[in-house]
Amino acid sequence: MGKINVETCDIEGLKIITPAVYGDTRGYFMETYNYNDFKAAGIPEIFVQDNQSSSSKGVLRGLHFQINFPQDKLVRVVAGEVFDVAVDLRPGSATYGKWHGVLLSAENKKQFFIPKNFAHGFLVLSDHAEFCYKCTDFYHPNDEGGLAYDDPDIAVEWPIPEGMELNLSDKDKKWGSFRDYTENRK
């Protein structure tokens, strides 16, 4: 047991993980994380904190990152469906400022590995979603950073259905532009 399938993405470091699922008439079983399997697949990070959020349809969280204490994240959905996005903020990266999105759901059971120095966010597409993520560093409230979810330079193609009203936190409504972020990093 415990085997995983790992797909690489068009941005180096991002990985989509699909666990083996063992089902029968009673339901199913799967290992969502096994250090040895992840290490063998090129993800040797040690996770120190697990988080879970509950959100309703139209909630958009992000794009978030930690400034001085960056975190690798392993994210998944245990109920519902979200469109999950990572934006490359690694200085000198060939894909700096580029984004990659993946549909995560309780049904497809996929996970998304996001390395340090990426901004991260997601949009809830189902009526309700439970979102879980593991982190390699602890949350530091005074170290939060973020980018506007609708920044034109990043140009994330959020799959916002016609008629969906977005629900953002006050903080997420105030994040600055990618251009300002880049200028301030120089």
N, C-alpha and C. Protein backbone atom coordinates (compact mmCIF):
# COMPACT_ATOMS: atom_id res chain seq x y z
N MET A 1 0.83 -1.19 0.00
CA MET A 1 0.00 0.00 0.00
C MET A 1 0.87 1.25 0.00
N GLY A 2 0.22 2.38 -0.16
CA GLY A 2 0.91 3.64 -0.03
C GLY A 2 1.60 4.15 -1.27
N LYS A 3 1.27 3.64 -2.42
CA LYS A 3 1.90 4.10 -3.64
C LYS A 3 1.21 5.36 -4.13
N ILE A 4 2.00 6.23 -4.75
CA ILE A 4 1.48 7.49 -5.28
C ILE A 4 1.94 7.67 -6.71
N ASN A 5 1.15 8.43 -7.47
CA ASN A 5 1.54 8.83 -8.81
C ASN A 5 1.84 10.32 -8.75
N VAL A 6 3.01 10.73 -9.23
CA VAL A 6 3.42 12.13 -9.18
C VAL A 6 3.58 12.66 -10.60
N GLU A 7 2.86 13.73 -10.89
CA GLU A 7 2.97 14.41 -12.18
C GLU A 7 3.72 15.72 -11.97
N THR A 8 4.66 16.00 -12.87
CA THR A 8 5.32 17.30 -12.82
C THR A 8 4.48 18.29 -13.61
N CYS A 9 4.69 19.56 -13.34
CA CYS A 9 3.94 20.63 -13.99
C CYS A 9 4.87 21.42 -14.90
N ASP A 10 4.31 22.39 -15.60
CA ASP A 10 5.12 23.21 -16.49
C ASP A 10 5.98 24.21 -15.72
N ILE A 11 5.78 24.33 -14.43
CA ILE A 11 6.63 25.16 -13.57
C ILE A 11 7.40 24.21 -12.67
N GLU A 12 8.72 24.29 -12.76
CA GLU A 12 9.58 23.39 -11.99
C GLU A 12 9.27 23.46 -10.50
N GLY A 13 9.20 22.31 -9.87
CA GLY A 13 8.97 22.22 -8.43
C GLY A 13 7.53 21.90 -8.06
N LEU A 14 6.58 22.36 -8.88
CA LEU A 14 5.17 22.05 -8.61
C LEU A 14 4.91 20.60 -8.99
N LYS A 15 4.14 19.91 -8.16
CA LYS A 15 3.83 18.50 -8.44
C LYS A 15 2.39 18.21 -8.07
N ILE A 16 1.74 17.40 -8.89
CA ILE A 16 0.39 16.92 -8.61
C ILE A 16 0.51 15.46 -8.21
N ILE A 17 -0.02 15.14 -7.05
CA ILE A 17 0.09 13.78 -6.50
C ILE A 17 -1.28 13.14 -6.47
N THR A 18 -1.36 11.93 -7.00
CA THR A 18 -2.59 11.15 -6.93
C THR A 18 -2.28 9.88 -6.15
N PRO A 19 -2.91 9.70 -4.99
CA PRO A 19 -2.65 8.49 -4.20
C PRO A 19 -3.38 7.28 -4.76
N ALA A 20 -2.86 6.12 -4.45
CA ALA A 20 -3.57 4.88 -4.78
C ALA A 20 -4.78 4.79 -3.86
N VAL A 21 -5.91 4.45 -4.43
CA VAL A 21 -7.15 4.33 -3.67
C VAL A 21 -7.61 2.88 -3.74
N TYR A 22 -7.87 2.31 -2.57
CA TYR A 22 -8.30 0.92 -2.48
C TYR A 22 -9.75 0.91 -2.02
N GLY A 23 -10.64 0.53 -2.92
CA GLY A 23 -12.06 0.58 -2.60
C GLY A 23 -12.74 -0.77 -2.71
N ASP A 24 -13.83 -0.89 -2.00
CA ASP A 24 -14.71 -2.04 -2.11
C ASP A 24 -16.12 -1.59 -1.75
N THR A 25 -17.01 -2.52 -1.49
CA THR A 25 -18.40 -2.17 -1.22
C THR A 25 -18.58 -1.34 0.06
N ARG A 26 -17.58 -1.37 0.94
CA ARG A 26 -17.67 -0.62 2.19
C ARG A 26 -17.26 0.84 2.04
N GLY A 27 -16.50 1.15 0.98
CA GLY A 27 -15.96 2.49 0.80
C GLY A 27 -14.57 2.42 0.23
N TYR A 28 -13.65 3.22 0.76
CA TYR A 28 -12.28 3.21 0.25
C TYR A 28 -11.29 3.51 1.36
N PHE A 29 -9.99 3.23 1.05
CA PHE A 29 -8.87 3.58 1.91
C PHE A 29 -7.78 4.13 1.02
N MET A 30 -7.08 5.14 1.53
CA MET A 30 -5.89 5.65 0.84
C MET A 30 -4.95 6.27 1.85
N GLU A 31 -3.66 6.23 1.54
CA GLU A 31 -2.68 6.95 2.32
C GLU A 31 -2.54 8.31 1.69
N THR A 32 -2.79 9.37 2.45
CA THR A 32 -2.66 10.71 1.90
C THR A 32 -1.23 11.23 2.01
N TYR A 33 -0.45 10.64 2.91
CA TYR A 33 0.94 11.05 3.05
C TYR A 33 1.75 9.91 3.66
N ASN A 34 2.88 9.63 3.03
CA ASN A 34 3.83 8.65 3.55
C ASN A 34 5.21 9.22 3.22
N TYR A 35 5.96 9.57 4.24
CA TYR A 35 7.24 10.24 4.02
C TYR A 35 8.12 9.47 3.04
N ASN A 36 8.22 8.15 3.19
CA ASN A 36 9.10 7.36 2.32
C ASN A 36 8.67 7.44 0.85
N ASP A 37 7.36 7.36 0.59
CA ASP A 37 6.88 7.44 -0.79
C ASP A 37 7.13 8.84 -1.38
N PHE A 38 6.88 9.87 -0.57
CA PHE A 38 7.10 11.23 -1.05
C PHE A 38 8.58 11.50 -1.29
N LYS A 39 9.43 11.03 -0.39
CA LYS A 39 10.88 11.21 -0.56
C LYS A 39 11.35 10.51 -1.84
N ALA A 40 10.87 9.30 -2.07
CA ALA A 40 11.25 8.57 -3.29
C ALA A 40 10.77 9.29 -4.55
N ALA A 41 9.71 10.07 -4.42
CA ALA A 41 9.16 10.82 -5.55
C ALA A 41 9.78 12.21 -5.67
N GLY A 42 10.81 12.51 -4.86
CA GLY A 42 11.49 13.80 -4.96
C GLY A 42 10.90 14.89 -4.09
N ILE A 43 10.11 14.51 -3.08
CA ILE A 43 9.53 15.48 -2.15
C ILE A 43 9.96 15.07 -0.73
N PRO A 44 11.20 15.43 -0.33
CA PRO A 44 11.71 14.99 0.97
C PRO A 44 11.39 15.92 2.13
N GLU A 45 10.59 16.94 1.90
CA GLU A 45 10.32 17.93 2.93
C GLU A 45 9.66 17.31 4.17
N ILE A 46 9.94 17.94 5.31
CA ILE A 46 9.34 17.55 6.58
C ILE A 46 8.26 18.56 6.91
N PHE A 47 7.05 18.09 7.13
CA PHE A 47 5.93 18.97 7.43
C PHE A 47 5.76 19.10 8.93
N VAL A 48 5.47 20.33 9.40
CA VAL A 48 5.40 20.59 10.84
C VAL A 48 4.04 21.10 11.29
N GLN A 49 3.16 21.41 10.36
CA GLN A 49 1.85 21.97 10.73
C GLN A 49 0.82 21.54 9.71
N ASP A 50 -0.36 21.12 10.19
CA ASP A 50 -1.50 20.81 9.33
C ASP A 50 -2.59 21.84 9.58
N ASN A 51 -3.22 22.29 8.50
CA ASN A 51 -4.30 23.27 8.58
C ASN A 51 -5.51 22.77 7.81
N GLN A 52 -6.68 23.25 8.17
CA GLN A 52 -7.91 22.91 7.45
C GLN A 52 -8.81 24.13 7.45
N SER A 53 -9.44 24.40 6.31
CA SER A 53 -10.40 25.49 6.23
C SER A 53 -11.69 24.98 5.61
N SER A 54 -12.76 25.66 5.95
CA SER A 54 -14.08 25.37 5.40
C SER A 54 -14.56 26.63 4.70
N SER A 55 -15.05 26.48 3.49
CA SER A 55 -15.47 27.64 2.71
C SER A 55 -16.69 27.31 1.87
N SER A 56 -17.44 28.34 1.54
CA SER A 56 -18.61 28.17 0.69
C SER A 56 -18.30 28.59 -0.75
N LYS A 57 -19.20 28.26 -1.64
CA LYS A 57 -19.05 28.55 -3.07
C LYS A 57 -18.74 30.03 -3.28
N GLY A 58 -17.76 30.30 -4.14
CA GLY A 58 -17.40 31.67 -4.46
C GLY A 58 -16.33 32.26 -3.59
N VAL A 59 -15.96 31.57 -2.50
CA VAL A 59 -14.87 32.07 -1.67
C VAL A 59 -13.57 31.94 -2.45
N LEU A 60 -12.83 33.03 -2.49
CA LEU A 60 -11.50 33.02 -3.11
C LEU A 60 -10.52 33.45 -2.03
N ARG A 61 -9.60 32.54 -1.71
CA ARG A 61 -8.58 32.82 -0.70
C ARG A 61 -7.24 32.94 -1.42
N GLY A 62 -6.56 34.06 -1.21
CA GLY A 62 -5.25 34.22 -1.83
C GLY A 62 -5.14 35.51 -2.61
N LEU A 63 -4.02 35.66 -3.14
CA LEU A 63 -2.86 34.79 -3.27
C LEU A 63 -1.89 35.09 -2.12
N HIS A 64 -1.60 34.11 -1.29
CA HIS A 64 -0.86 34.30 -0.04
C HIS A 64 0.53 33.68 -0.10
N PHE A 65 1.42 34.24 0.72
CA PHE A 65 2.75 33.66 0.94
C PHE A 65 3.30 34.23 2.24
N GLN A 66 4.33 33.58 2.76
CA GLN A 66 5.05 34.11 3.92
C GLN A 66 6.34 34.73 3.38
N ILE A 67 6.71 35.89 3.89
CA ILE A 67 7.81 36.67 3.34
C ILE A 67 9.17 36.13 3.78
N ASN A 68 9.41 36.09 5.09
CA ASN A 68 10.72 35.69 5.63
C ASN A 68 10.77 34.24 6.09
N PHE A 69 9.61 33.63 6.23
CA PHE A 69 9.53 32.23 6.67
C PHE A 69 8.70 31.44 5.65
N PRO A 70 9.20 31.31 4.42
CA PRO A 70 8.40 30.64 3.39
C PRO A 70 8.12 29.19 3.73
N GLN A 71 7.00 28.70 3.21
CA GLN A 71 6.55 27.35 3.50
C GLN A 71 6.39 26.55 2.21
N ASP A 72 6.81 25.29 2.25
CA ASP A 72 6.36 24.33 1.25
C ASP A 72 4.98 23.91 1.73
N LYS A 73 4.07 23.63 0.78
CA LYS A 73 2.72 23.21 1.15
C LYS A 73 2.32 21.97 0.34
N LEU A 74 1.57 21.11 0.99
CA LEU A 74 0.93 19.97 0.33
C LEU A 74 -0.56 20.14 0.60
N VAL A 75 -1.32 20.44 -0.46
CA VAL A 75 -2.73 20.80 -0.29
C VAL A 75 -3.64 19.75 -0.93
N ARG A 76 -4.85 19.63 -0.35
CA ARG A 76 -5.85 18.71 -0.88
C ARG A 76 -7.23 19.12 -0.41
N VAL A 77 -8.24 18.57 -1.04
CA VAL A 77 -9.63 18.85 -0.69
C VAL A 77 -10.27 17.55 -0.20
N VAL A 78 -10.93 17.60 0.96
CA VAL A 78 -11.57 16.41 1.50
C VAL A 78 -13.09 16.43 1.33
N ALA A 79 -13.63 17.60 0.96
CA ALA A 79 -15.07 17.71 0.64
C ALA A 79 -15.21 18.85 -0.35
N GLY A 80 -15.93 18.59 -1.44
CA GLY A 80 -16.16 19.63 -2.43
C GLY A 80 -15.10 19.71 -3.50
N GLU A 81 -14.98 20.93 -4.09
CA GLU A 81 -14.09 21.11 -5.24
C GLU A 81 -13.56 22.55 -5.25
N VAL A 82 -12.26 22.70 -5.51
CA VAL A 82 -11.65 24.01 -5.64
C VAL A 82 -10.74 24.05 -6.85
N PHE A 83 -10.50 25.26 -7.34
CA PHE A 83 -9.45 25.50 -8.33
C PHE A 83 -8.30 26.10 -7.55
N ASP A 84 -7.18 25.39 -7.51
CA ASP A 84 -6.03 25.76 -6.70
C ASP A 84 -4.93 26.32 -7.59
N VAL A 85 -4.29 27.41 -7.13
CA VAL A 85 -3.31 28.14 -7.95
C VAL A 85 -2.03 28.39 -7.18
N ALA A 86 -0.90 28.24 -7.86
CA ALA A 86 0.41 28.60 -7.33
C ALA A 86 1.08 29.55 -8.32
N VAL A 87 1.69 30.62 -7.79
CA VAL A 87 2.39 31.62 -8.60
C VAL A 87 3.86 31.62 -8.20
N ASP A 88 4.74 31.46 -9.17
CA ASP A 88 6.18 31.39 -8.92
C ASP A 88 6.73 32.77 -8.52
N LEU A 89 7.26 32.87 -7.30
CA LEU A 89 7.89 34.10 -6.81
C LEU A 89 9.38 33.89 -6.52
N ARG A 90 9.95 32.83 -7.08
CA ARG A 90 11.36 32.54 -6.82
C ARG A 90 12.24 33.47 -7.65
N PRO A 91 13.06 34.30 -6.99
CA PRO A 91 13.94 35.20 -7.74
C PRO A 91 14.85 34.41 -8.69
N GLY A 92 14.96 34.89 -9.91
CA GLY A 92 15.83 34.23 -10.89
C GLY A 92 15.22 33.03 -11.59
N SER A 93 14.03 32.64 -11.22
CA SER A 93 13.38 31.49 -11.84
C SER A 93 12.98 31.84 -13.28
N ALA A 94 13.11 30.86 -14.16
CA ALA A 94 12.70 31.05 -15.56
C ALA A 94 11.19 31.25 -15.68
N THR A 95 10.44 30.84 -14.66
CA THR A 95 8.98 30.97 -14.70
C THR A 95 8.48 31.98 -13.65
N TYR A 96 9.34 32.90 -13.26
CA TYR A 96 8.98 33.93 -12.28
C TYR A 96 7.73 34.67 -12.75
N GLY A 97 6.73 34.75 -11.86
CA GLY A 97 5.49 35.45 -12.18
C GLY A 97 4.48 34.61 -12.93
N LYS A 98 4.82 33.39 -13.28
CA LYS A 98 3.89 32.48 -13.98
C LYS A 98 3.08 31.71 -12.95
N TRP A 99 1.92 31.25 -13.37
CA TRP A 99 1.04 30.51 -12.47
C TRP A 99 0.67 29.16 -13.07
N HIS A 100 0.26 28.27 -12.18
CA HIS A 100 -0.27 26.97 -12.60
C HIS A 100 -1.48 26.68 -11.71
N GLY A 101 -2.55 26.18 -12.32
CA GLY A 101 -3.74 25.85 -11.57
C GLY A 101 -4.13 24.40 -11.76
N VAL A 102 -4.77 23.84 -10.75
CA VAL A 102 -5.22 22.45 -10.79
C VAL A 102 -6.55 22.34 -10.06
N LEU A 103 -7.42 21.51 -10.59
CA LEU A 103 -8.71 21.23 -9.95
C LEU A 103 -8.49 20.16 -8.90
N LEU A 104 -8.79 20.49 -7.65
CA LEU A 104 -8.68 19.54 -6.55
C LEU A 104 -10.08 19.27 -6.03
N SER A 105 -10.39 18.00 -5.80
CA SER A 105 -11.73 17.68 -5.30
C SER A 105 -11.67 16.44 -4.42
N ALA A 106 -12.73 16.28 -3.63
CA ALA A 106 -12.85 15.06 -2.84
C ALA A 106 -12.96 13.86 -3.77
N GLU A 107 -13.54 14.07 -4.93
CA GLU A 107 -13.72 12.98 -5.88
C GLU A 107 -12.41 12.55 -6.54
N ASN A 108 -11.60 13.52 -7.04
CA ASN A 108 -10.37 13.11 -7.75
C ASN A 108 -9.21 12.82 -6.78
N LYS A 109 -9.32 13.25 -5.53
CA LYS A 109 -8.36 12.96 -4.47
C LYS A 109 -6.93 13.43 -4.76
N LYS A 110 -6.77 14.31 -5.74
CA LYS A 110 -5.44 14.82 -6.08
C LYS A 110 -4.95 15.76 -4.99
N GLN A 111 -3.62 15.83 -4.89
CA GLN A 111 -2.95 16.75 -4.00
C GLN A 111 -2.00 17.61 -4.84
N PHE A 112 -1.67 18.78 -4.34
CA PHE A 112 -0.80 19.71 -5.06
C PHE A 112 0.34 20.08 -4.12
N PHE A 113 1.57 19.79 -4.56
CA PHE A 113 2.74 20.18 -3.79
C PHE A 113 3.25 21.51 -4.33
N ILE A 114 3.36 22.48 -3.42
CA ILE A 114 3.78 23.84 -3.77
C ILE A 114 5.03 24.16 -2.97
N PRO A 115 6.17 24.35 -3.65
CA PRO A 115 7.41 24.64 -2.92
C PRO A 115 7.43 26.03 -2.30
N LYS A 116 8.45 26.27 -1.49
CA LYS A 116 8.68 27.59 -0.91
C LYS A 116 8.74 28.64 -2.02
N ASN A 117 8.39 29.87 -1.65
CA ASN A 117 8.50 31.03 -2.54
C ASN A 117 7.54 30.98 -3.71
N PHE A 118 6.36 30.47 -3.45
CA PHE A 118 5.23 30.55 -4.36
C PHE A 118 4.09 31.24 -3.61
N ALA A 119 3.32 32.06 -4.31
CA ALA A 119 2.06 32.56 -3.75
C ALA A 119 1.02 31.48 -4.02
N HIS A 120 0.04 31.38 -3.14
CA HIS A 120 -0.95 30.31 -3.24
C HIS A 120 -2.34 30.85 -2.98
N GLY A 121 -3.31 30.32 -3.72
CA GLY A 121 -4.71 30.68 -3.49
C GLY A 121 -5.63 29.64 -4.10
N PHE A 122 -6.92 29.74 -3.73
CA PHE A 122 -7.89 28.82 -4.34
C PHE A 122 -9.26 29.46 -4.37
N LEU A 123 -10.06 28.97 -5.32
CA LEU A 123 -11.45 29.39 -5.52
C LEU A 123 -12.35 28.19 -5.30
N VAL A 124 -13.36 28.33 -4.45
CA VAL A 124 -14.29 27.24 -4.18
C VAL A 124 -15.35 27.20 -5.28
N LEU A 125 -15.46 26.05 -5.94
CA LEU A 125 -16.40 25.87 -7.05
C LEU A 125 -17.66 25.12 -6.65
N SER A 126 -17.58 24.32 -5.59
CA SER A 126 -18.73 23.56 -5.10
C SER A 126 -19.50 24.39 -4.08
N ASP A 127 -20.66 23.90 -3.66
CA ASP A 127 -21.44 24.63 -2.66
C ASP A 127 -20.66 24.81 -1.36
N HIS A 128 -19.80 23.85 -1.05
CA HIS A 128 -19.01 23.87 0.17
C HIS A 128 -17.72 23.11 -0.10
N ALA A 129 -16.63 23.50 0.54
CA ALA A 129 -15.37 22.77 0.40
C ALA A 129 -14.62 22.76 1.72
N GLU A 130 -13.99 21.63 1.99
CA GLU A 130 -13.07 21.47 3.12
C GLU A 130 -11.68 21.30 2.51
N PHE A 131 -10.78 22.21 2.86
CA PHE A 131 -9.45 22.30 2.26
C PHE A 131 -8.41 22.01 3.34
N CYS A 132 -7.49 21.07 3.09
CA CYS A 132 -6.47 20.70 4.06
C CYS A 132 -5.09 20.94 3.46
N TYR A 133 -4.17 21.40 4.32
CA TYR A 133 -2.81 21.54 3.83
C TYR A 133 -1.78 21.37 4.93
N LYS A 134 -0.68 20.76 4.51
CA LYS A 134 0.47 20.55 5.37
C LYS A 134 1.50 21.62 5.02
N CYS A 135 2.24 22.10 6.04
CA CYS A 135 3.24 23.15 5.83
C CYS A 135 4.56 22.73 6.46
N THR A 136 5.68 23.22 5.86
CA THR A 136 7.01 22.89 6.38
C THR A 136 7.53 23.93 7.35
N ASP A 137 6.80 25.00 7.58
CA ASP A 137 7.16 25.96 8.62
C ASP A 137 5.87 26.40 9.30
N PHE A 138 6.01 26.91 10.49
CA PHE A 138 4.86 27.37 11.24
C PHE A 138 4.36 28.69 10.67
N TYR A 139 3.11 28.98 10.90
CA TYR A 139 2.51 30.23 10.47
C TYR A 139 3.02 31.36 11.36
N HIS A 140 3.48 32.43 10.73
CA HIS A 140 3.95 33.63 11.42
C HIS A 140 3.03 34.77 11.02
N PRO A 141 2.11 35.18 11.89
CA PRO A 141 1.09 36.18 11.52
C PRO A 141 1.66 37.51 11.04
N ASN A 142 2.82 37.90 11.52
CA ASN A 142 3.40 39.18 11.11
C ASN A 142 4.27 39.06 9.86
N ASP A 143 4.23 37.90 9.21
CA ASP A 143 5.08 37.64 8.04
C ASP A 143 4.25 37.41 6.78
N GLU A 144 2.98 37.77 6.81
CA GLU A 144 2.09 37.52 5.67
C GLU A 144 2.40 38.44 4.50
N GLY A 145 2.32 37.87 3.33
CA GLY A 145 2.38 38.64 2.10
C GLY A 145 1.26 38.16 1.19
N GLY A 146 0.99 38.96 0.19
CA GLY A 146 -0.06 38.56 -0.74
C GLY A 146 -0.04 39.38 -2.01
N LEU A 147 -0.72 38.87 -3.00
CA LEU A 147 -0.87 39.54 -4.29
C LEU A 147 -2.35 39.55 -4.64
N ALA A 148 -2.75 40.57 -5.38
CA ALA A 148 -4.13 40.66 -5.82
C ALA A 148 -4.47 39.45 -6.70
N TYR A 149 -5.58 38.79 -6.40
CA TYR A 149 -5.99 37.59 -7.13
C TYR A 149 -6.22 37.89 -8.62
N ASP A 150 -6.57 39.14 -8.93
CA ASP A 150 -6.90 39.52 -10.31
C ASP A 150 -5.83 40.39 -10.95
N ASP A 151 -4.59 40.25 -10.48
CA ASP A 151 -3.50 41.05 -11.03
C ASP A 151 -3.36 40.79 -12.52
N PRO A 152 -3.35 41.84 -13.35
CA PRO A 152 -3.29 41.64 -14.81
C PRO A 152 -1.95 41.11 -15.30
N ASP A 153 -0.87 41.34 -14.57
CA ASP A 153 0.43 40.83 -15.01
C ASP A 153 0.56 39.33 -14.77
N ILE A 154 -0.06 38.84 -13.71
CA ILE A 154 -0.07 37.40 -13.46
C ILE A 154 -1.13 36.74 -14.32
N ALA A 155 -2.30 37.34 -14.39
CA ALA A 155 -3.40 36.92 -15.27
C ALA A 155 -3.86 35.48 -15.03
N VAL A 156 -4.11 35.15 -13.76
CA VAL A 156 -4.67 33.83 -13.46
C VAL A 156 -6.03 33.71 -14.15
N GLU A 157 -6.25 32.60 -14.80
CA GLU A 157 -7.54 32.34 -15.47
C GLU A 157 -8.43 31.55 -14.51
N TRP A 158 -8.97 32.27 -13.53
CA TRP A 158 -9.87 31.65 -12.57
C TRP A 158 -11.13 31.17 -13.30
N PRO A 159 -11.58 29.95 -13.07
CA PRO A 159 -12.79 29.44 -13.74
C PRO A 159 -14.06 29.92 -13.01
N ILE A 160 -14.33 31.19 -13.13
CA ILE A 160 -15.47 31.79 -12.42
C ILE A 160 -16.71 31.63 -13.28
N PRO A 161 -17.64 30.77 -12.85
CA PRO A 161 -18.86 30.57 -13.65
C PRO A 161 -19.69 31.85 -13.71
N GLU A 162 -20.41 32.00 -14.79
CA GLU A 162 -21.28 33.16 -14.95
C GLU A 162 -22.25 33.22 -13.77
N GLY A 163 -22.38 34.41 -13.21
CA GLY A 163 -23.30 34.61 -12.10
C GLY A 163 -22.71 34.36 -10.72
N MET A 164 -21.48 33.80 -10.65
CA MET A 164 -20.86 33.54 -9.35
C MET A 164 -20.36 34.86 -8.76
N GLU A 165 -20.75 35.12 -7.52
CA GLU A 165 -20.23 36.28 -6.80
C GLU A 165 -19.04 35.83 -5.97
N LEU A 166 -17.91 36.52 -6.15
CA LEU A 166 -16.74 36.18 -5.37
C LEU A 166 -16.88 36.71 -3.95
N ASN A 167 -16.34 35.94 -3.01
CA ASN A 167 -16.36 36.30 -1.61
C ASN A 167 -14.91 36.31 -1.13
N LEU A 168 -14.35 37.52 -0.92
CA LEU A 168 -12.97 37.69 -0.49
C LEU A 168 -12.93 38.32 0.90
N SER A 169 -11.91 38.00 1.65
CA SER A 169 -11.71 38.66 2.94
C SER A 169 -11.29 40.10 2.69
N ASP A 170 -11.45 40.94 3.69
CA ASP A 170 -11.01 42.33 3.56
C ASP A 170 -9.52 42.38 3.23
N LYS A 171 -8.75 41.51 3.85
CA LYS A 171 -7.30 41.46 3.60
C LYS A 171 -7.02 41.10 2.14
N ASP A 172 -7.73 40.12 1.61
CA ASP A 172 -7.49 39.70 0.23
C ASP A 172 -7.91 40.76 -0.78
N LYS A 173 -8.82 41.63 -0.40
CA LYS A 173 -9.22 42.73 -1.29
C LYS A 173 -8.16 43.81 -1.37
N LYS A 174 -7.23 43.82 -0.42
CA LYS A 174 -6.25 44.91 -0.33
C LYS A 174 -4.84 44.55 -0.80
N TRP A 175 -4.59 43.31 -1.17
CA TRP A 175 -3.24 42.95 -1.59
C TRP A 175 -2.84 43.77 -2.81
N GLY A 176 -1.55 44.04 -2.93
CA GLY A 176 -1.02 44.85 -4.03
C GLY A 176 -0.76 44.06 -5.29
N SER A 177 -0.19 44.77 -6.25
CA SER A 177 0.06 44.19 -7.57
C SER A 177 1.38 43.41 -7.59
N PHE A 178 1.49 42.55 -8.57
CA PHE A 178 2.73 41.81 -8.80
C PHE A 178 3.85 42.78 -9.16
N ARG A 179 3.54 43.80 -9.93
CA ARG A 179 4.54 44.81 -10.34
C ARG A 179 5.11 45.51 -9.10
N ASP A 180 4.24 45.91 -8.16
CA ASP A 180 4.72 46.55 -6.93
C ASP A 180 5.57 45.58 -6.11
N TYR A 181 5.12 44.34 -6.02
CA TYR A 181 5.87 43.32 -5.28
C TYR A 181 7.27 43.17 -5.87
N THR A 182 7.36 43.08 -7.20
CA THR A 182 8.64 42.90 -7.87
C THR A 182 9.55 44.12 -7.65
N GLU A 183 8.97 45.31 -7.75
CA GLU A 183 9.76 46.53 -7.56
C GLU A 183 10.28 46.63 -6.13
N ASN A 184 9.49 46.23 -5.16
CA ASN A 184 9.90 46.30 -3.76
C ASN A 184 10.96 45.26 -3.40
N ARG A 185 11.07 44.22 -4.20
CA ARG A 185 12.07 43.15 -3.94
C ARG A 185 13.45 43.54 -4.44
N LYS A 186 13.54 44.56 -5.29
CA LYS A 186 14.83 44.93 -5.88
C LYS A 186 15.71 45.65 -4.89
